[in-house]
């Protein structure tokens, strides 16, 4: 863990796996979804240890603190020491409620039959043709 390099904000957000690609991170920054102290940033902003960022993604409204600088993408399990998730409790509860409501609606069909398979659909079509 070394603080001697200068890393752009888009590269850092990509490296800590908040965005799948660096261009997605850059687009999010340019559209104002990444802020520091309620100020929008540029993708070329140099990340410094101790800075806090507010990041609005589709899944979650992150609030992170930079613990150490990272310039290369690593395994998700190895990224944890480079930032600290300080997201508010209210946001975490909102995500929990959202995921629980999603899981409750998975069993749409109570009889567990679901949609007809391709074979069943052909059989239904043949029955309706024969009745006509």
N, C-alpha and C. Protein backbone atom coordinates (compact mmCIF):
# COMPACT_ATOMS: atom_id res chain seq x y z
N UNK A 1 0.85 -1.16 0.00
CA UNK A 1 0.00 0.00 0.00
C UNK A 1 0.90 1.24 0.00
N UNK A 2 0.79 1.96 -1.08
CA UNK A 2 1.73 3.03 -1.33
C UNK A 2 0.99 4.28 -1.73
N UNK A 3 1.29 5.40 -1.13
CA UNK A 3 0.61 6.65 -1.43
C UNK A 3 1.37 7.52 -2.42
N UNK A 4 2.46 7.02 -3.02
CA UNK A 4 3.24 7.90 -3.87
C UNK A 4 2.66 8.11 -5.24
N UNK A 5 1.71 7.28 -5.74
CA UNK A 5 1.18 7.57 -7.06
C UNK A 5 0.00 8.51 -7.02
N UNK A 6 -0.20 9.15 -8.17
CA UNK A 6 -1.36 10.01 -8.35
C UNK A 6 -2.34 9.24 -9.21
N UNK A 7 -3.55 9.10 -8.72
CA UNK A 7 -4.56 8.32 -9.42
C UNK A 7 -5.77 9.21 -9.67
N UNK A 8 -6.26 9.15 -10.90
CA UNK A 8 -7.46 9.90 -11.27
C UNK A 8 -8.68 9.27 -10.59
N UNK A 9 -9.70 10.07 -10.37
CA UNK A 9 -10.90 9.61 -9.68
C UNK A 9 -11.61 8.51 -10.45
N UNK A 10 -11.73 8.64 -11.77
CA UNK A 10 -12.41 7.61 -12.55
C UNK A 10 -11.68 6.27 -12.47
N UNK A 11 -10.36 6.31 -12.47
CA UNK A 11 -9.58 5.08 -12.37
C UNK A 11 -9.72 4.46 -10.99
N UNK A 12 -9.77 5.30 -9.95
CA UNK A 12 -9.91 4.79 -8.58
C UNK A 12 -11.26 4.11 -8.38
N UNK A 13 -12.34 4.75 -8.86
CA UNK A 13 -13.68 4.16 -8.70
C UNK A 13 -13.80 2.85 -9.47
N UNK A 14 -13.13 2.77 -10.61
CA UNK A 14 -13.10 1.53 -11.38
C UNK A 14 -12.28 0.47 -10.63
N UNK A 15 -11.15 0.87 -10.06
CA UNK A 15 -10.27 -0.07 -9.38
C UNK A 15 -10.90 -0.66 -8.12
N UNK A 16 -11.70 0.14 -7.40
CA UNK A 16 -12.33 -0.40 -6.19
C UNK A 16 -13.67 -1.07 -6.50
N UNK A 17 -13.96 -1.22 -7.78
CA UNK A 17 -15.09 -2.01 -8.27
C UNK A 17 -16.46 -1.40 -8.01
N UNK A 18 -16.56 -0.07 -8.00
CA UNK A 18 -17.88 0.55 -7.92
C UNK A 18 -18.52 0.64 -9.30
N UNK A 19 -17.69 0.62 -10.34
CA UNK A 19 -18.17 0.63 -11.72
C UNK A 19 -17.45 -0.45 -12.50
N UNK A 20 -18.15 -1.05 -13.47
CA UNK A 20 -17.55 -2.14 -14.24
C UNK A 20 -16.45 -1.67 -15.17
N UNK A 21 -16.63 -0.50 -15.76
CA UNK A 21 -15.62 0.01 -16.68
C UNK A 21 -15.20 1.41 -16.26
N UNK A 22 -14.05 1.79 -16.75
CA UNK A 22 -13.55 3.13 -16.43
C UNK A 22 -14.39 4.19 -17.13
N UNK A 23 -14.89 3.87 -18.31
CA UNK A 23 -15.73 4.85 -19.02
C UNK A 23 -17.07 5.04 -18.30
N UNK A 24 -17.61 4.00 -17.69
CA UNK A 24 -18.83 4.16 -16.89
C UNK A 24 -18.56 5.06 -15.69
N UNK A 25 -17.41 4.89 -15.07
CA UNK A 25 -17.04 5.74 -13.93
C UNK A 25 -16.89 7.18 -14.40
N UNK A 26 -16.24 7.39 -15.54
CA UNK A 26 -16.07 8.73 -16.07
C UNK A 26 -17.39 9.40 -16.43
N UNK A 27 -18.30 8.62 -17.03
CA UNK A 27 -19.62 9.16 -17.37
C UNK A 27 -20.40 9.54 -16.12
N UNK A 28 -20.31 8.72 -15.08
CA UNK A 28 -21.01 9.02 -13.83
C UNK A 28 -20.45 10.29 -13.19
N UNK A 29 -19.15 10.45 -13.23
CA UNK A 29 -18.53 11.65 -12.66
C UNK A 29 -18.95 12.88 -13.46
N UNK A 30 -18.91 12.77 -14.79
CA UNK A 30 -19.27 13.91 -15.65
C UNK A 30 -20.73 14.30 -15.51
N UNK A 31 -21.60 13.34 -15.21
CA UNK A 31 -23.03 13.64 -15.07
C UNK A 31 -23.39 14.09 -13.65
N UNK A 32 -22.41 14.23 -12.78
CA UNK A 32 -22.64 14.78 -11.45
C UNK A 32 -23.08 13.78 -10.41
N UNK A 33 -22.86 12.50 -10.65
CA UNK A 33 -23.28 11.48 -9.69
C UNK A 33 -22.22 11.19 -8.63
N UNK A 34 -21.06 11.80 -8.77
CA UNK A 34 -20.00 11.66 -7.78
C UNK A 34 -19.68 13.05 -7.25
N UNK A 35 -19.77 13.21 -5.93
CA UNK A 35 -19.56 14.53 -5.32
C UNK A 35 -18.67 14.42 -4.12
N UNK A 36 -18.03 15.54 -3.82
CA UNK A 36 -17.24 15.64 -2.60
C UNK A 36 -17.63 16.96 -1.96
N UNK A 37 -18.12 16.91 -0.73
CA UNK A 37 -18.60 18.11 -0.03
C UNK A 37 -19.65 18.85 -0.86
N UNK A 38 -20.57 18.12 -1.45
CA UNK A 38 -21.67 18.61 -2.29
C UNK A 38 -21.20 19.38 -3.52
N UNK A 39 -19.94 19.17 -3.93
CA UNK A 39 -19.41 19.77 -5.15
C UNK A 39 -19.16 18.66 -6.17
N UNK A 40 -19.60 18.88 -7.39
CA UNK A 40 -19.32 17.92 -8.46
C UNK A 40 -17.83 17.93 -8.77
N UNK A 41 -17.35 16.80 -9.20
CA UNK A 41 -15.93 16.64 -9.49
C UNK A 41 -15.71 16.36 -10.97
N UNK A 42 -14.46 16.35 -11.37
CA UNK A 42 -14.07 15.96 -12.72
C UNK A 42 -13.41 14.59 -12.64
N UNK A 43 -13.42 13.88 -13.76
CA UNK A 43 -12.80 12.55 -13.80
C UNK A 43 -11.30 12.65 -13.56
N UNK A 44 -10.71 13.79 -13.85
CA UNK A 44 -9.27 13.97 -13.69
C UNK A 44 -8.87 14.37 -12.27
N UNK A 45 -9.82 14.47 -11.36
CA UNK A 45 -9.53 14.81 -9.96
C UNK A 45 -8.56 13.79 -9.39
N UNK A 46 -7.50 14.26 -8.74
CA UNK A 46 -6.51 13.36 -8.13
C UNK A 46 -7.01 12.95 -6.74
N UNK A 47 -7.09 11.64 -6.54
CA UNK A 47 -7.60 11.08 -5.28
C UNK A 47 -6.53 11.20 -4.20
N UNK A 48 -6.97 11.62 -3.02
CA UNK A 48 -6.06 11.74 -1.87
C UNK A 48 -6.63 10.94 -0.70
N UNK A 49 -5.76 10.40 0.11
CA UNK A 49 -6.16 9.63 1.27
C UNK A 49 -6.96 10.52 2.23
N UNK A 50 -8.06 9.99 2.74
CA UNK A 50 -8.88 10.71 3.70
C UNK A 50 -10.06 11.45 3.08
N UNK A 51 -10.11 11.56 1.75
CA UNK A 51 -11.23 12.25 1.12
C UNK A 51 -12.48 11.39 1.19
N UNK A 52 -13.64 12.05 1.25
CA UNK A 52 -14.92 11.36 1.28
C UNK A 52 -15.71 11.71 0.03
N UNK A 53 -16.28 10.69 -0.59
CA UNK A 53 -17.05 10.88 -1.82
C UNK A 53 -18.46 10.36 -1.62
N UNK A 54 -19.42 11.05 -2.22
CA UNK A 54 -20.81 10.61 -2.28
C UNK A 54 -21.06 10.14 -3.70
N UNK A 55 -21.39 8.87 -3.86
CA UNK A 55 -21.51 8.28 -5.18
C UNK A 55 -22.91 7.70 -5.33
N UNK A 56 -23.61 8.13 -6.36
CA UNK A 56 -24.98 7.68 -6.60
C UNK A 56 -24.97 6.69 -7.76
N UNK A 57 -25.12 5.40 -7.45
CA UNK A 57 -25.23 4.37 -8.49
C UNK A 57 -26.67 3.90 -8.55
N UNK A 58 -26.95 3.03 -9.51
CA UNK A 58 -28.32 2.51 -9.63
C UNK A 58 -28.74 1.73 -8.39
N UNK A 59 -27.82 0.96 -7.84
CA UNK A 59 -28.15 0.08 -6.73
C UNK A 59 -28.16 0.78 -5.37
N UNK A 60 -27.24 1.73 -5.19
CA UNK A 60 -27.02 2.25 -3.85
C UNK A 60 -26.45 3.65 -3.92
N UNK A 61 -26.71 4.44 -2.89
CA UNK A 61 -26.07 5.74 -2.73
C UNK A 61 -24.91 5.56 -1.77
N UNK A 62 -23.72 5.43 -2.32
CA UNK A 62 -22.53 5.16 -1.54
C UNK A 62 -22.00 6.43 -0.87
N UNK A 63 -21.39 6.24 0.27
CA UNK A 63 -20.57 7.28 0.88
C UNK A 63 -19.30 6.55 1.31
N UNK A 64 -18.18 6.91 0.67
CA UNK A 64 -16.93 6.19 0.96
C UNK A 64 -15.85 7.16 1.40
N UNK A 65 -14.90 6.62 2.15
CA UNK A 65 -13.72 7.37 2.56
C UNK A 65 -12.51 6.63 1.99
N UNK A 66 -11.60 7.36 1.39
CA UNK A 66 -10.39 6.77 0.80
C UNK A 66 -9.42 6.45 1.93
N UNK A 67 -9.07 5.18 2.05
CA UNK A 67 -8.11 4.75 3.07
C UNK A 67 -6.72 4.69 2.46
N UNK A 68 -6.64 4.17 1.24
CA UNK A 68 -5.36 4.10 0.53
C UNK A 68 -5.63 4.18 -0.96
N UNK A 69 -4.62 4.55 -1.72
CA UNK A 69 -4.74 4.74 -3.16
C UNK A 69 -4.56 3.40 -3.86
N UNK A 70 -5.39 3.17 -4.88
CA UNK A 70 -5.32 1.95 -5.68
C UNK A 70 -5.43 2.35 -7.13
N UNK A 71 -4.51 1.85 -7.97
CA UNK A 71 -4.55 2.21 -9.38
C UNK A 71 -4.80 1.03 -10.31
N UNK A 72 -4.81 -0.18 -9.77
CA UNK A 72 -5.07 -1.37 -10.59
C UNK A 72 -6.28 -2.10 -10.04
N UNK A 73 -7.03 -2.71 -10.93
CA UNK A 73 -8.19 -3.48 -10.52
C UNK A 73 -7.73 -4.80 -9.91
N UNK A 74 -8.33 -5.16 -8.79
CA UNK A 74 -7.97 -6.38 -8.08
C UNK A 74 -9.22 -7.22 -7.83
N UNK A 75 -9.03 -8.38 -7.23
CA UNK A 75 -10.18 -9.19 -6.83
C UNK A 75 -11.01 -8.41 -5.82
N UNK A 76 -12.30 -8.66 -5.82
CA UNK A 76 -13.20 -7.93 -4.92
C UNK A 76 -12.82 -8.15 -3.46
N UNK A 77 -12.35 -9.32 -3.12
CA UNK A 77 -11.98 -9.60 -1.74
C UNK A 77 -10.73 -8.84 -1.31
N UNK A 78 -9.89 -8.44 -2.26
CA UNK A 78 -8.65 -7.74 -1.94
C UNK A 78 -8.81 -6.22 -1.95
N UNK A 79 -9.95 -5.71 -2.38
CA UNK A 79 -10.16 -4.26 -2.51
C UNK A 79 -10.57 -3.61 -1.20
N UNK A 80 -11.10 -4.36 -0.27
CA UNK A 80 -11.65 -3.82 0.98
C UNK A 80 -10.71 -2.89 1.75
N UNK A 81 -9.42 -3.15 1.85
CA UNK A 81 -8.58 -2.24 2.65
C UNK A 81 -8.34 -0.87 2.03
N UNK A 82 -8.76 -0.64 0.79
CA UNK A 82 -8.46 0.62 0.12
C UNK A 82 -9.53 1.69 0.30
N UNK A 83 -10.71 1.31 0.76
CA UNK A 83 -11.74 2.31 1.03
C UNK A 83 -12.62 1.82 2.17
N UNK A 84 -13.30 2.77 2.81
CA UNK A 84 -14.20 2.42 3.91
C UNK A 84 -15.60 2.89 3.51
N UNK A 85 -16.55 1.98 3.58
CA UNK A 85 -17.93 2.30 3.26
C UNK A 85 -18.57 2.94 4.49
N UNK A 86 -18.90 4.22 4.39
CA UNK A 86 -19.52 4.93 5.51
C UNK A 86 -20.93 5.37 5.14
N UNK A 87 -21.61 4.54 4.38
CA UNK A 87 -22.97 4.81 3.94
C UNK A 87 -23.90 4.89 5.15
N UNK A 88 -24.88 5.80 5.08
CA UNK A 88 -25.78 6.01 6.21
C UNK A 88 -26.65 4.78 6.47
N UNK A 89 -27.09 4.66 7.70
CA UNK A 89 -27.94 3.53 8.12
C UNK A 89 -29.27 3.56 7.37
N UNK A 90 -29.82 4.76 7.13
CA UNK A 90 -31.10 4.88 6.42
C UNK A 90 -31.00 4.29 5.02
N UNK A 91 -29.89 4.56 4.33
CA UNK A 91 -29.70 4.03 2.97
C UNK A 91 -29.57 2.51 3.00
N UNK A 92 -28.87 1.99 3.98
CA UNK A 92 -28.73 0.54 4.09
C UNK A 92 -30.08 -0.12 4.36
N UNK A 93 -30.91 0.51 5.20
CA UNK A 93 -32.26 -0.02 5.46
C UNK A 93 -33.12 0.02 4.20
N UNK A 94 -32.99 1.09 3.40
CA UNK A 94 -33.75 1.21 2.16
C UNK A 94 -33.38 0.08 1.20
N UNK A 95 -32.11 -0.21 1.11
CA UNK A 95 -31.64 -1.29 0.23
C UNK A 95 -32.16 -2.63 0.73
N UNK A 96 -32.14 -2.82 2.04
CA UNK A 96 -32.63 -4.08 2.62
C UNK A 96 -34.12 -4.27 2.33
N UNK A 97 -34.90 -3.20 2.48
CA UNK A 97 -36.34 -3.28 2.18
C UNK A 97 -36.58 -3.53 0.70
N UNK A 98 -35.81 -2.90 -0.14
CA UNK A 98 -35.95 -3.07 -1.59
C UNK A 98 -35.66 -4.51 -1.99
N UNK A 99 -34.61 -5.09 -1.43
CA UNK A 99 -34.25 -6.46 -1.78
C UNK A 99 -35.26 -7.46 -1.22
N UNK A 100 -35.82 -7.19 -0.05
CA UNK A 100 -36.80 -8.12 0.52
C UNK A 100 -38.10 -8.08 -0.27
N UNK A 101 -38.48 -6.91 -0.77
CA UNK A 101 -39.70 -6.84 -1.58
C UNK A 101 -39.48 -7.50 -2.94
N UNK A 102 -38.25 -7.43 -3.46
CA UNK A 102 -37.94 -8.09 -4.72
C UNK A 102 -38.03 -9.61 -4.56
N UNK A 103 -37.48 -10.12 -3.48
CA UNK A 103 -37.50 -11.57 -3.26
C UNK A 103 -38.91 -12.08 -3.00
N UNK A 104 -39.79 -11.26 -2.46
CA UNK A 104 -41.16 -11.69 -2.18
C UNK A 104 -41.96 -11.86 -3.47
N UNK A 105 -41.61 -11.12 -4.51
CA UNK A 105 -42.38 -11.19 -5.75
C UNK A 105 -41.83 -12.20 -6.75
N UNK A 106 -40.83 -12.97 -6.36
CA UNK A 106 -40.25 -13.93 -7.28
C UNK A 106 -41.23 -15.05 -7.61
N UNK A 107 -41.94 -15.57 -6.62
CA UNK A 107 -42.89 -16.66 -6.86
C UNK A 107 -44.21 -16.09 -7.36
N UNK A 108 -44.22 -15.73 -8.63
CA UNK A 108 -45.38 -15.11 -9.22
C UNK A 108 -46.51 -16.12 -9.40
N UNK A 109 -46.15 -17.30 -9.80
CA UNK A 109 -47.13 -18.35 -10.06
C UNK A 109 -47.21 -19.26 -8.85
N UNK A 110 -48.35 -19.28 -8.22
CA UNK A 110 -48.49 -20.07 -6.99
C UNK A 110 -48.53 -21.56 -7.25
N UNK A 111 -49.02 -21.96 -8.43
CA UNK A 111 -49.08 -23.39 -8.71
C UNK A 111 -47.74 -23.92 -9.21
N UNK A 112 -46.71 -23.07 -9.24
CA UNK A 112 -45.35 -23.44 -9.62
C UNK A 112 -45.24 -23.92 -11.06
N UNK A 113 -46.28 -23.72 -11.86
CA UNK A 113 -46.21 -24.18 -13.25
C UNK A 113 -45.41 -23.23 -14.11
N UNK A 114 -45.53 -21.93 -13.90
CA UNK A 114 -44.78 -20.96 -14.68
C UNK A 114 -45.28 -20.89 -16.11
N UNK A 115 -44.45 -20.37 -16.94
CA UNK A 115 -44.81 -20.25 -18.35
C UNK A 115 -44.68 -21.60 -19.03
N UNK A 116 -45.44 -21.81 -20.08
CA UNK A 116 -45.32 -23.10 -20.78
C UNK A 116 -43.98 -23.21 -21.49
N UNK A 117 -43.46 -24.43 -21.53
CA UNK A 117 -42.22 -24.66 -22.26
C UNK A 117 -42.52 -24.65 -23.74
N UNK A 118 -41.48 -24.71 -24.55
CA UNK A 118 -41.66 -24.70 -25.99
C UNK A 118 -42.50 -25.91 -26.43
N UNK A 119 -42.23 -27.05 -25.82
CA UNK A 119 -42.98 -28.28 -26.15
C UNK A 119 -44.45 -28.13 -25.77
N UNK A 120 -44.70 -27.61 -24.54
CA UNK A 120 -46.08 -27.42 -24.10
C UNK A 120 -46.81 -26.41 -24.98
N UNK A 121 -46.10 -25.39 -25.42
CA UNK A 121 -46.71 -24.37 -26.27
C UNK A 121 -47.13 -24.97 -27.61
N UNK A 122 -46.29 -25.83 -28.18
CA UNK A 122 -46.65 -26.51 -29.44
C UNK A 122 -47.88 -27.37 -29.25
N UNK A 123 -47.92 -28.07 -28.11
CA UNK A 123 -49.08 -28.93 -27.84
C UNK A 123 -50.35 -28.10 -27.72
N UNK A 124 -50.27 -26.96 -27.04
CA UNK A 124 -51.42 -26.07 -26.92
C UNK A 124 -51.85 -25.53 -28.28
N UNK A 125 -50.89 -25.18 -29.11
CA UNK A 125 -51.20 -24.69 -30.46
C UNK A 125 -51.87 -25.78 -31.28
N UNK A 126 -51.38 -27.02 -31.17
CA UNK A 126 -52.00 -28.12 -31.93
C UNK A 126 -53.43 -28.38 -31.46
N UNK A 127 -53.66 -28.27 -30.17
CA UNK A 127 -55.03 -28.48 -29.63
C UNK A 127 -55.96 -27.41 -30.16
N UNK A 128 -55.50 -26.16 -30.16
CA UNK A 128 -56.37 -25.07 -30.63
C UNK A 128 -56.61 -25.18 -32.14
N UNK A 129 -55.67 -25.69 -32.92
CA UNK A 129 -55.84 -25.88 -34.36
C UNK A 129 -56.86 -26.98 -34.61
N UNK A 130 -56.76 -28.08 -33.84
CA UNK A 130 -57.68 -29.21 -34.02
C UNK A 130 -59.12 -28.84 -33.65
N UNK A 131 -59.30 -27.98 -32.68
CA UNK A 131 -60.64 -27.58 -32.26
C UNK A 131 -61.29 -26.67 -33.29
N UNK A 132 -60.52 -25.98 -34.10
CA UNK A 132 -61.09 -25.02 -35.07
C UNK A 132 -61.71 -25.70 -36.25
